Protein backbone atom coordinates (compact mmCIF):
# COMPACT_ATOMS: atom_id res chain seq x y z
CA MET A 1 119.49 127.84 16.84
CA LYS A 2 119.11 127.16 13.19
CA PRO A 3 121.79 128.67 10.90
CA ARG A 4 119.35 131.09 9.26
CA VAL A 5 118.14 132.40 12.64
CA GLN A 6 121.74 132.73 13.87
CA ALA A 7 122.70 134.75 10.83
CA THR A 8 119.69 137.04 11.29
CA VAL A 9 120.55 137.59 14.96
CA LEU A 10 124.20 138.34 14.15
CA ILE A 11 123.28 140.79 11.41
CA SER A 12 120.76 142.52 13.69
CA LEU A 13 123.33 142.82 16.49
CA SER A 14 126.01 144.17 14.15
CA LEU A 15 123.65 146.93 13.00
CA CYS A 16 123.36 148.12 16.63
CA ILE A 17 127.10 148.64 17.07
CA VAL A 18 128.08 152.30 16.90
CA VAL A 19 131.42 152.92 15.27
CA PRO A 20 132.96 156.35 15.91
CA ALA A 21 133.66 158.45 12.85
CA PRO A 22 137.31 158.23 11.84
CA ALA A 23 139.39 161.39 12.16
CA GLN A 24 139.17 163.46 9.02
CA ASP A 25 141.95 166.01 8.45
CA HIS A 26 140.28 169.39 7.99
CA ALA A 27 142.90 170.72 5.55
CA LYS A 28 142.81 167.59 3.41
CA VAL A 29 139.04 167.08 3.18
CA ASP A 30 138.16 170.78 2.72
CA PRO A 31 141.03 172.46 0.80
CA ASP A 32 138.72 175.07 -0.76
CA HIS A 33 138.05 176.55 2.69
CA VAL A 34 141.09 175.59 4.80
CA LYS A 35 144.83 176.17 4.49
CA VAL A 36 147.71 175.15 6.77
CA VAL A 37 149.42 178.48 7.58
CA ALA A 38 152.03 177.30 10.11
CA GLU A 39 153.23 173.94 11.40
CA ASN A 40 155.95 172.41 13.53
CA ASP A 41 156.40 169.14 15.43
CA GLN A 42 153.97 170.22 18.19
CA VAL A 43 151.17 172.26 16.59
CA ARG A 44 149.48 172.99 13.29
CA VAL A 45 147.68 176.25 12.54
CA LEU A 46 144.80 176.19 10.07
CA ARG A 47 143.13 179.26 8.59
CA TYR A 48 139.55 178.74 7.45
CA ARG A 49 137.22 180.94 5.43
CA TYR A 50 133.59 180.14 4.64
CA GLY A 51 131.69 182.42 2.32
CA PRO A 52 128.07 183.35 3.02
CA ARG A 53 125.93 180.21 3.52
CA GLN A 54 128.84 177.88 2.68
CA LYS A 55 129.36 174.51 4.40
CA SER A 56 132.53 172.59 5.18
CA ALA A 57 133.19 168.96 4.49
CA GLN A 58 132.89 166.75 7.56
CA HIS A 59 136.18 166.94 9.46
CA SER A 60 137.77 166.30 12.85
CA HIS A 61 139.87 168.22 15.36
CA PRO A 62 142.01 166.74 18.15
CA ASP A 63 141.40 167.44 21.84
CA ASN A 64 142.53 170.88 23.06
CA THR A 65 142.17 172.59 19.69
CA VAL A 66 142.06 176.38 20.05
CA ASP A 67 139.77 178.31 17.70
CA VAL A 68 140.13 182.06 17.17
CA ALA A 69 137.39 183.91 15.28
CA LEU A 70 138.89 186.53 12.96
CA THR A 71 135.48 187.85 11.94
CA LYS A 72 132.08 188.17 13.54
CA GLY A 73 129.69 185.42 12.51
CA ARG A 74 127.00 182.86 13.19
CA VAL A 75 127.72 179.20 12.48
CA ARG A 76 125.99 175.85 12.83
CA LEU A 77 127.94 172.71 13.73
CA VAL A 78 126.46 169.35 12.68
CA THR A 79 127.85 166.16 14.24
CA PRO A 80 127.91 162.78 12.45
CA ASP A 81 124.81 161.70 14.40
CA GLY A 82 122.88 164.72 13.07
CA LYS A 83 122.87 166.83 16.24
CA THR A 84 123.24 170.55 15.65
CA VAL A 85 124.37 173.52 17.71
CA GLU A 86 124.53 177.14 16.63
CA HIS A 87 127.06 179.72 17.82
CA SER A 88 127.27 183.48 17.42
CA VAL A 89 130.82 184.76 17.81
CA GLU A 90 132.51 188.13 17.82
CA ALA A 91 135.82 188.75 16.09
CA GLY A 92 138.59 187.89 18.55
CA THR A 93 136.61 185.20 20.38
CA VAL A 94 138.88 182.37 21.55
CA ASN A 95 137.59 178.88 22.41
CA LEU A 96 139.38 175.80 23.75
CA ASN A 97 137.60 172.73 22.36
CA ALA A 98 137.37 169.03 23.06
CA ALA A 99 138.03 166.59 20.22
CA SER A 100 135.19 166.65 17.72
CA THR A 101 134.00 165.65 14.26
CA HIS A 102 131.51 167.96 12.55
CA ILE A 103 130.39 169.99 9.55
CA VAL A 104 130.48 173.80 9.82
CA GLU A 105 127.87 175.94 8.10
CA ASN A 106 128.20 179.73 7.88
CA LEU A 107 124.68 181.00 8.57
CA GLY A 108 125.54 184.61 7.77
CA ASP A 109 125.55 186.81 4.70
CA THR A 110 129.23 187.71 5.11
CA PRO A 111 132.36 185.52 5.10
CA PHE A 112 133.35 183.85 8.37
CA GLU A 113 137.07 183.44 9.00
CA GLY A 114 139.16 182.00 11.80
CA LEU A 115 142.16 180.04 12.95
CA SER A 116 142.30 176.54 14.45
CA ILE A 117 145.44 175.72 16.43
CA GLU A 118 145.67 171.94 16.71
CA PRO A 119 148.10 170.13 19.03
CA LYS A 120 150.01 167.27 17.42
CA THR A 121 151.07 165.43 20.55
CA PRO A 122 148.82 164.07 23.28
CA THR A 123 148.41 166.46 26.18
CA ARG A 124 149.78 165.35 29.54
CA LYS A 125 147.53 165.35 32.58
């Protein structure tokens, strides 16, 4: 192959490689909505509050994060690849979640509040 063709092929192939989004600490990238309320060497507890129609910054959670809804609400999660999913939750709803990176949007006309309990150490199988 000629050098120019090789370079074009390499550039084209490199554009097809999908690189996962790096972990983005929720409390650091979205301090207006998220506060660390408790922490030790094993877990970190985050309290989040989104006003009506507010969105978070893109952020990540580790595997086995527990979310507890403190208020009733409807939210949309948007992943880095643009996929969306909407959830309606009641106050007191508890979810155990796989690792994820997303943006949260409060779709309601009232504030949406909750807790995220994030493990700091890898879980053992």
